[in-house]
């Protein structure tokens, strides 16, 4: 995944034409940091950071994001 990030985000000349895909690829670096927070207790700061990231990931250009089944578990 880091190679995708380097190729599409750091090198501006290989930009993705889809804004949706570019947004997702640009979040890879943050995801690598945040993914370890998934198993933290639900009331911890780390899990809050993880849940905010996941909600941001789902909500971008998705008008039906509240119907995704695991959103209730994240909040």
PDB file of N, CA and C in Angstrom:
ATOM      1  N   UNK A   1       0.803  -1.190   0.000  1.00  0.00           N
ATOM      2  CA  UNK A   1       0.000   0.000   0.000  1.00  0.00           C
ATOM      3  C   UNK A   1       0.852   1.263   0.000  1.00  0.00           C
ATOM      4  N   UNK A   2       1.980   1.201   0.618  1.00  0.00           N
ATOM      5  CA  UNK A   2       2.848   2.373   0.652  1.00  0.00           C
ATOM      6  C   UNK A   2       3.351   2.704  -0.750  1.00  0.00           C
ATOM      7  N   UNK A   3       3.565   1.698  -1.559  1.00  0.00           N
ATOM      8  CA  UNK A   3       4.004   1.936  -2.933  1.00  0.00           C
ATOM      9  C   UNK A   3       2.924   2.658  -3.734  1.00  0.00           C
ATOM     10  N   UNK A   4       1.676   2.323  -3.498  1.00  0.00           N
ATOM     11  CA  UNK A   4       0.579   3.036  -4.146  1.00  0.00           C
ATOM     12  C   UNK A   4       0.551   4.496  -3.714  1.00  0.00           C
ATOM     13  N   UNK A   5       0.723   4.713  -2.432  1.00  0.00           N
ATOM     14  CA  UNK A   5       0.747   6.074  -1.911  1.00  0.00           C
ATOM     15  C   UNK A   5       1.878   6.871  -2.555  1.00  0.00           C
ATOM     16  N   UNK A   6       3.047   6.307  -2.608  1.00  0.00           N
ATOM     17  CA  UNK A   6       4.189   6.996  -3.204  1.00  0.00           C
ATOM     18  C   UNK A   6       3.955   7.300  -4.682  1.00  0.00           C
ATOM     19  N   UNK A   7       3.398   6.350  -5.387  1.00  0.00           N
ATOM     20  CA  UNK A   7       3.212   6.501  -6.818  1.00  0.00           C
ATOM     21  C   UNK A   7       2.160   7.549  -7.164  1.00  0.00           C
ATOM     22  N   UNK A   8       1.036   7.541  -6.475  1.00  0.00           N
ATOM     23  CA  UNK A   8      -0.068   8.422  -6.840  1.00  0.00           C
ATOM     24  C   UNK A   8      -0.106   9.744  -6.085  1.00  0.00           C
ATOM     25  N   UNK A   9       0.391   9.789  -4.882  1.00  0.00           N
ATOM     26  CA  UNK A   9       0.254  11.002  -4.076  1.00  0.00           C
ATOM     27  C   UNK A   9       1.543  11.821  -4.078  1.00  0.00           C
ATOM     28  N   UNK A  10       2.660  11.198  -3.814  1.00  0.00           N
ATOM     29  CA  UNK A  10       3.906  11.954  -3.732  1.00  0.00           C
ATOM     30  C   UNK A  10       4.380  12.443  -5.091  1.00  0.00           C
ATOM     31  N   UNK A  11       4.181  11.635  -6.102  1.00  0.00           N
ATOM     32  CA  UNK A  11       4.515  12.054  -7.464  1.00  0.00           C
ATOM     33  C   UNK A  11       3.260  12.634  -8.092  1.00  0.00           C
ATOM     34  N   UNK A  12       3.193  13.906  -8.164  1.00  0.00           N
ATOM     35  CA  UNK A  12       1.969  14.591  -8.607  1.00  0.00           C
ATOM     36  C   UNK A  12       1.643  14.325 -10.079  1.00  0.00           C
ATOM     37  N   UNK A  13       2.603  13.912 -10.875  1.00  0.00           N
ATOM     38  CA  UNK A  13       2.318  13.718 -12.302  1.00  0.00           C
ATOM     39  C   UNK A  13       1.528  12.445 -12.585  1.00  0.00           C
ATOM     40  N   UNK A  14       1.422  11.554 -11.640  1.00  0.00           N
ATOM     41  CA  UNK A  14       0.657  10.322 -11.817  1.00  0.00           C
ATOM     42  C   UNK A  14      -0.656  10.384 -11.047  1.00  0.00           C
ATOM     43  N   UNK A  15      -1.315  11.491 -11.133  1.00  0.00           N
ATOM     44  CA  UNK A  15      -2.539  11.708 -10.359  1.00  0.00           C
ATOM     45  C   UNK A  15      -3.667  10.836 -10.879  1.00  0.00           C
ATOM     46  N   UNK A  16      -4.455  10.319  -9.935  1.00  0.00           N
ATOM     47  CA  UNK A  16      -5.641   9.555 -10.309  1.00  0.00           C
ATOM     48  C   UNK A  16      -6.711  10.516 -10.814  1.00  0.00           C
ATOM     49  N   UNK A  17      -7.472  10.104 -11.796  1.00  0.00           N
ATOM     50  CA  UNK A  17      -8.511  10.965 -12.348  1.00  0.00           C
ATOM     51  C   UNK A  17      -9.753  10.994 -11.469  1.00  0.00           C
ATOM     52  N   UNK A  18      -9.981   9.962 -10.734  1.00  0.00           N
ATOM     53  CA  UNK A  18     -11.130   9.905  -9.848  1.00  0.00           C
ATOM     54  C   UNK A  18     -10.780  10.547  -8.516  1.00  0.00           C
ATOM     55  N   UNK A  19     -11.547  11.552  -8.122  1.00  0.00           N
ATOM     56  CA  UNK A  19     -11.307  12.201  -6.837  1.00  0.00           C
ATOM     57  C   UNK A  19     -11.541  11.250  -5.674  1.00  0.00           C
ATOM     58  N   UNK A  20     -12.506  10.380  -5.839  1.00  0.00           N
ATOM     59  CA  UNK A  20     -12.809   9.393  -4.803  1.00  0.00           C
ATOM     60  C   UNK A  20     -11.617   8.471  -4.559  1.00  0.00           C
ATOM     61  N   UNK A  21     -11.043   7.963  -5.626  1.00  0.00           N
ATOM     62  CA  UNK A  21      -9.890   7.067  -5.487  1.00  0.00           C
ATOM     63  C   UNK A  21      -8.669   7.816  -4.958  1.00  0.00           C
ATOM     64  N   UNK A  22      -8.479   9.044  -5.411  1.00  0.00           N
ATOM     65  CA  UNK A  22      -7.348   9.819  -4.930  1.00  0.00           C
ATOM     66  C   UNK A  22      -7.478  10.089  -3.433  1.00  0.00           C
ATOM     67  N   UNK A  23      -8.680  10.380  -2.979  1.00  0.00           N
ATOM     68  CA  UNK A  23      -8.912  10.606  -1.562  1.00  0.00           C
ATOM     69  C   UNK A  23      -8.564   9.363  -0.755  1.00  0.00           C
ATOM     70  N   UNK A  24      -9.022   8.214  -1.225  1.00  0.00           N
ATOM     71  CA  UNK A  24      -8.746   6.971  -0.506  1.00  0.00           C
ATOM     72  C   UNK A  24      -7.252   6.649  -0.500  1.00  0.00           C
ATOM     73  N   UNK A  25      -6.596   6.816  -1.610  1.00  0.00           N
ATOM     74  CA  UNK A  25      -5.160   6.524  -1.679  1.00  0.00           C
ATOM     75  C   UNK A  25      -4.375   7.503  -0.812  1.00  0.00           C
ATOM     76  N   UNK A  26      -4.812   8.742  -0.745  1.00  0.00           N
ATOM     77  CA  UNK A  26      -4.092   9.714   0.072  1.00  0.00           C
ATOM     78  C   UNK A  26      -4.239   9.437   1.565  1.00  0.00           C
ATOM     79  N   UNK A  27      -5.204   8.629   1.957  1.00  0.00           N
ATOM     80  CA  UNK A  27      -5.407   8.272   3.361  1.00  0.00           C
ATOM     81  C   UNK A  27      -4.615   7.030   3.783  1.00  0.00           C
ATOM     82  N   UNK A  28      -3.895   6.411   2.888  1.00  0.00           N
ATOM     83  CA  UNK A  28      -3.171   5.181   3.199  1.00  0.00           C
ATOM     84  C   UNK A  28      -2.146   5.401   4.310  1.00  0.00           C
ATOM     85  N   UNK A  29      -1.403   6.475   4.228  1.00  0.00           N
ATOM     86  CA  UNK A  29      -0.357   6.717   5.212  1.00  0.00           C
ATOM     87  C   UNK A  29      -0.948   6.857   6.619  1.00  0.00           C
ATOM     88  N   UNK A  30      -2.052   7.553   6.727  1.00  0.00           N
ATOM     89  CA  UNK A  30      -2.718   7.701   8.030  1.00  0.00           C
ATOM     90  C   UNK A  30      -3.293   6.363   8.491  1.00  0.00           C
ATOM     91  N   UNK A  31      -3.809   5.577   7.562  1.00  0.00           N
ATOM     92  CA  UNK A  31      -4.378   4.286   7.925  1.00  0.00           C
ATOM     93  C   UNK A  31      -3.341   3.355   8.533  1.00  0.00           C
ATOM     94  N   UNK A  32      -2.141   3.376   8.018  1.00  0.00           N
ATOM     95  CA  UNK A  32      -1.083   2.517   8.537  1.00  0.00           C
ATOM     96  C   UNK A  32      -0.800   2.844  10.009  1.00  0.00           C
ATOM     97  N   UNK A  33      -0.904   4.093  10.363  1.00  0.00           N
ATOM     98  CA  UNK A  33      -0.699   4.494  11.762  1.00  0.00           C
ATOM     99  C   UNK A  33      -1.895   4.098  12.624  1.00  0.00           C
ATOM    100  N   UNK A  34      -3.084   4.295  12.111  1.00  0.00           N
ATOM    101  CA  UNK A  34      -4.309   4.156  12.899  1.00  0.00           C
ATOM    102  C   UNK A  34      -4.797   2.713  13.009  1.00  0.00           C
ATOM    103  N   UNK A  35      -4.427   1.862  12.111  1.00  0.00           N
ATOM    104  CA  UNK A  35      -4.994   0.508  12.079  1.00  0.00           C
ATOM    105  C   UNK A  35      -4.707  -0.313  13.338  1.00  0.00           C
ATOM    106  N   UNK A  36      -3.652  -0.006  14.048  1.00  0.00           N
ATOM    107  CA  UNK A  36      -3.337  -0.732  15.282  1.00  0.00           C
ATOM    108  C   UNK A  36      -4.254  -0.357  16.438  1.00  0.00           C
ATOM    109  N   UNK A  37      -4.963   0.749  16.317  1.00  0.00           N
ATOM    110  CA  UNK A  37      -5.856   1.212  17.377  1.00  0.00           C
ATOM    111  C   UNK A  37      -7.192   0.473  17.389  1.00  0.00           C
ATOM    112  N   UNK A  38      -7.402  -0.369  16.447  1.00  0.00           N
ATOM    113  CA  UNK A  38      -8.673  -1.090  16.321  1.00  0.00           C
ATOM    114  C   UNK A  38      -8.984  -1.955  17.541  1.00  0.00           C
ATOM    115  N   UNK A  39      -7.986  -2.534  18.138  1.00  0.00           N
ATOM    116  CA  UNK A  39      -8.183  -3.471  19.243  1.00  0.00           C
ATOM    117  C   UNK A  39      -8.100  -2.826  20.632  1.00  0.00           C
ATOM    118  N   UNK A  40      -8.039  -1.524  20.680  1.00  0.00           N
ATOM    119  CA  UNK A  40      -7.994  -0.815  21.959  1.00  0.00           C
ATOM    120  C   UNK A  40      -9.384  -0.819  22.601  1.00  0.00           C
ATOM    121  N   UNK A  41      -9.465  -0.564  23.894  1.00  0.00           N
ATOM    122  CA  UNK A  41     -10.792  -0.464  24.535  1.00  0.00           C
ATOM    123  C   UNK A  41     -11.621   0.664  23.921  1.00  0.00           C
ATOM    124  N   UNK A  42     -12.917   0.473  23.879  1.00  0.00           N
ATOM    125  CA  UNK A  42     -13.802   1.415  23.179  1.00  0.00           C
ATOM    126  C   UNK A  42     -13.831   2.808  23.784  1.00  0.00           C
ATOM    127  N   UNK A  43     -13.487   2.958  25.022  1.00  0.00           N
ATOM    128  CA  UNK A  43     -13.510   4.289  25.630  1.00  0.00           C
ATOM    129  C   UNK A  43     -12.137   4.958  25.630  1.00  0.00           C
ATOM    130  N   UNK A  44     -11.176   4.404  24.957  1.00  0.00           N
ATOM    131  CA  UNK A  44      -9.832   4.985  24.920  1.00  0.00           C
ATOM    132  C   UNK A  44      -9.726   6.043  23.814  1.00  0.00           C
ATOM    133  N   UNK A  45      -8.717   6.865  23.935  1.00  0.00           N
ATOM    134  CA  UNK A  45      -8.466   7.920  22.954  1.00  0.00           C
ATOM    135  C   UNK A  45      -8.052   7.305  21.615  1.00  0.00           C
ATOM    136  N   UNK A  46      -7.288   6.235  21.657  1.00  0.00           N
ATOM    137  CA  UNK A  46      -6.830   5.591  20.435  1.00  0.00           C
ATOM    138  C   UNK A  46      -8.003   5.047  19.613  1.00  0.00           C
ATOM    139  N   UNK A  47      -8.951   4.422  20.295  1.00  0.00           N
ATOM    140  CA  UNK A  47     -10.113   3.898  19.571  1.00  0.00           C
ATOM    141  C   UNK A  47     -10.950   5.029  19.003  1.00  0.00           C
ATOM    142  N   UNK A  48     -11.009   6.151  19.692  1.00  0.00           N
ATOM    143  CA  UNK A  48     -11.724   7.324  19.185  1.00  0.00           C
ATOM    144  C   UNK A  48     -11.070   7.828  17.905  1.00  0.00           C
ATOM    145  N   UNK A  49      -9.753   7.852  17.865  1.00  0.00           N
ATOM    146  CA  UNK A  49      -9.027   8.258  16.661  1.00  0.00           C
ATOM    147  C   UNK A  49      -9.331   7.286  15.527  1.00  0.00           C
ATOM    148  N   UNK A  50      -9.301   6.008  15.831  1.00  0.00           N
ATOM    149  CA  UNK A  50      -9.607   4.979  14.837  1.00  0.00           C
ATOM    150  C   UNK A  50     -11.040   5.133  14.314  1.00  0.00           C
ATOM    151  N   UNK A  51     -11.996   5.311  15.191  1.00  0.00           N
ATOM    152  CA  UNK A  51     -13.392   5.414  14.764  1.00  0.00           C
ATOM    153  C   UNK A  51     -13.631   6.676  13.938  1.00  0.00           C
ATOM    154  N   UNK A  52     -12.981   7.777  14.299  1.00  0.00           N
ATOM    155  CA  UNK A  52     -13.107   9.004  13.500  1.00  0.00           C
ATOM    156  C   UNK A  52     -12.541   8.804  12.095  1.00  0.00           C
ATOM    157  N   UNK A  53     -11.427   8.100  12.016  1.00  0.00           N
ATOM    158  CA  UNK A  53     -10.836   7.825  10.716  1.00  0.00           C
ATOM    159  C   UNK A  53     -11.764   6.958   9.860  1.00  0.00           C
ATOM    160  N   UNK A  54     -12.320   5.919  10.441  1.00  0.00           N
ATOM    161  CA  UNK A  54     -13.202   5.014   9.698  1.00  0.00           C
ATOM    162  C   UNK A  54     -14.471   5.736   9.259  1.00  0.00           C
ATOM    163  N   UNK A  55     -15.029   6.551  10.118  1.00  0.00           N
ATOM    164  CA  UNK A  55     -16.225   7.307   9.737  1.00  0.00           C
ATOM    165  C   UNK A  55     -15.922   8.302   8.616  1.00  0.00           C
ATOM    166  N   UNK A  56     -14.781   8.927   8.683  1.00  0.00           N
ATOM    167  CA  UNK A  56     -14.373   9.834   7.613  1.00  0.00           C
ATOM    168  C   UNK A  56     -14.202   9.064   6.302  1.00  0.00           C
ATOM    169  N   UNK A  57     -13.634   7.897   6.391  1.00  0.00           N
ATOM    170  CA  UNK A  57     -13.414   7.031   5.232  1.00  0.00           C
ATOM    171  C   UNK A  57     -14.748   6.645   4.581  1.00  0.00           C
ATOM    172  N   UNK A  58     -15.734   6.337   5.388  1.00  0.00           N
ATOM    173  CA  UNK A  58     -17.035   5.891   4.882  1.00  0.00           C
ATOM    174  C   UNK A  58     -17.870   7.059   4.374  1.00  0.00           C
ATOM    175  N   UNK A  59     -17.807   8.181   5.042  1.00  0.00           N
ATOM    176  CA  UNK A  59     -18.685   9.305   4.724  1.00  0.00           C
ATOM    177  C   UNK A  59     -18.326  10.038   3.442  1.00  0.00           C
ATOM    178  N   UNK A  60     -17.088   9.958   3.010  1.00  0.00           N
ATOM    179  CA  UNK A  60     -16.672  10.718   1.832  1.00  0.00           C
ATOM    180  C   UNK A  60     -17.438  10.262   0.599  1.00  0.00           C
ATOM    181  N   UNK A  61     -18.224  11.169   0.054  1.00  0.00           N
ATOM    182  CA  UNK A  61     -19.032  10.935  -1.144  1.00  0.00           C
ATOM    183  C   UNK A  61     -19.947   9.728  -1.044  1.00  0.00           C
ATOM    184  N   UNK A  62     -20.461   9.482   0.110  1.00  0.00           N
ATOM    185  CA  UNK A  62     -21.375   8.365   0.314  1.00  0.00           C
ATOM    186  C   UNK A  62     -22.608   8.879   1.062  1.00  0.00           C
ATOM    187  N   UNK A  63     -23.663   9.214   0.355  1.00  0.00           N
ATOM    188  CA  UNK A  63     -24.842   9.761   1.029  1.00  0.00           C
ATOM    189  C   UNK A  63     -25.567   8.745   1.913  1.00  0.00           C
ATOM    190  N   UNK A  64     -25.324   7.472   1.704  1.00  0.00           N
ATOM    191  CA  UNK A  64     -25.978   6.429   2.494  1.00  0.00           C
ATOM    192  C   UNK A  64     -25.031   5.811   3.514  1.00  0.00           C
ATOM    193  N   UNK A  65     -24.079   6.583   3.980  1.00  0.00           N
ATOM    194  CA  UNK A  65     -23.068   6.047   4.903  1.00  0.00           C
ATOM    195  C   UNK A  65     -23.673   5.547   6.201  1.00  0.00           C
ATOM    196  N   UNK A  66     -24.775   6.132   6.647  1.00  0.00           N
ATOM    197  CA  UNK A  66     -25.382   5.718   7.913  1.00  0.00           C
ATOM    198  C   UNK A  66     -26.041   4.336   7.819  1.00  0.00           C
ATOM    199  N   UNK A  67     -26.183   3.797   6.614  1.00  0.00           N
ATOM    200  CA  UNK A  67     -26.779   2.471   6.442  1.00  0.00           C
ATOM    201  C   UNK A  67     -25.737   1.348   6.405  1.00  0.00           C
ATOM    202  N   UNK A  68     -24.476   1.700   6.482  1.00  0.00           N
ATOM    203  CA  UNK A  68     -23.420   0.696   6.507  1.00  0.00           C
ATOM    204  C   UNK A  68     -23.533  -0.056   7.847  1.00  0.00           C
ATOM    205  N   UNK A  69     -23.552  -1.406   7.810  1.00  0.00           N
ATOM    206  CA  UNK A  69     -23.859  -2.181   9.021  1.00  0.00           C
ATOM    207  C   UNK A  69     -22.941  -1.969  10.228  1.00  0.00           C
ATOM    208  N   UNK A  70     -21.667  -1.763  10.027  1.00  0.00           N
ATOM    209  CA  UNK A  70     -20.761  -1.697  11.167  1.00  0.00           C
ATOM    210  C   UNK A  70     -20.565  -0.295  11.725  1.00  0.00           C
ATOM    211  N   UNK A  71     -21.284   0.694  11.222  1.00  0.00           N
ATOM    212  CA  UNK A  71     -21.142   2.063  11.734  1.00  0.00           C
ATOM    213  C   UNK A  71     -21.592   2.130  13.198  1.00  0.00           C
ATOM    214  N   UNK A  72     -22.601   1.406  13.553  1.00  0.00           N
ATOM    215  CA  UNK A  72     -23.080   1.425  14.951  1.00  0.00           C
ATOM    216  C   UNK A  72     -22.054   0.849  15.918  1.00  0.00           C
ATOM    217  N   UNK A  73     -21.250  -0.080  15.455  1.00  0.00           N
ATOM    218  CA  UNK A  73     -20.206  -0.656  16.305  1.00  0.00           C
ATOM    219  C   UNK A  73     -19.023   0.293  16.481  1.00  0.00           C
ATOM    220  N   UNK A  74     -18.796   1.123  15.510  1.00  0.00           N
ATOM    221  CA  UNK A  74     -17.670   2.050  15.531  1.00  0.00           C
ATOM    222  C   UNK A  74     -17.946   3.213  16.470  1.00  0.00           C
ATOM    223  N   UNK A  75     -19.128   3.698  16.483  1.00  0.00           N
ATOM    224  CA  UNK A  75     -19.460   4.889  17.273  1.00  0.00           C
ATOM    225  C   UNK A  75     -19.363   4.637  18.740  1.00  0.00           C
TER     226      UNK A  75
END
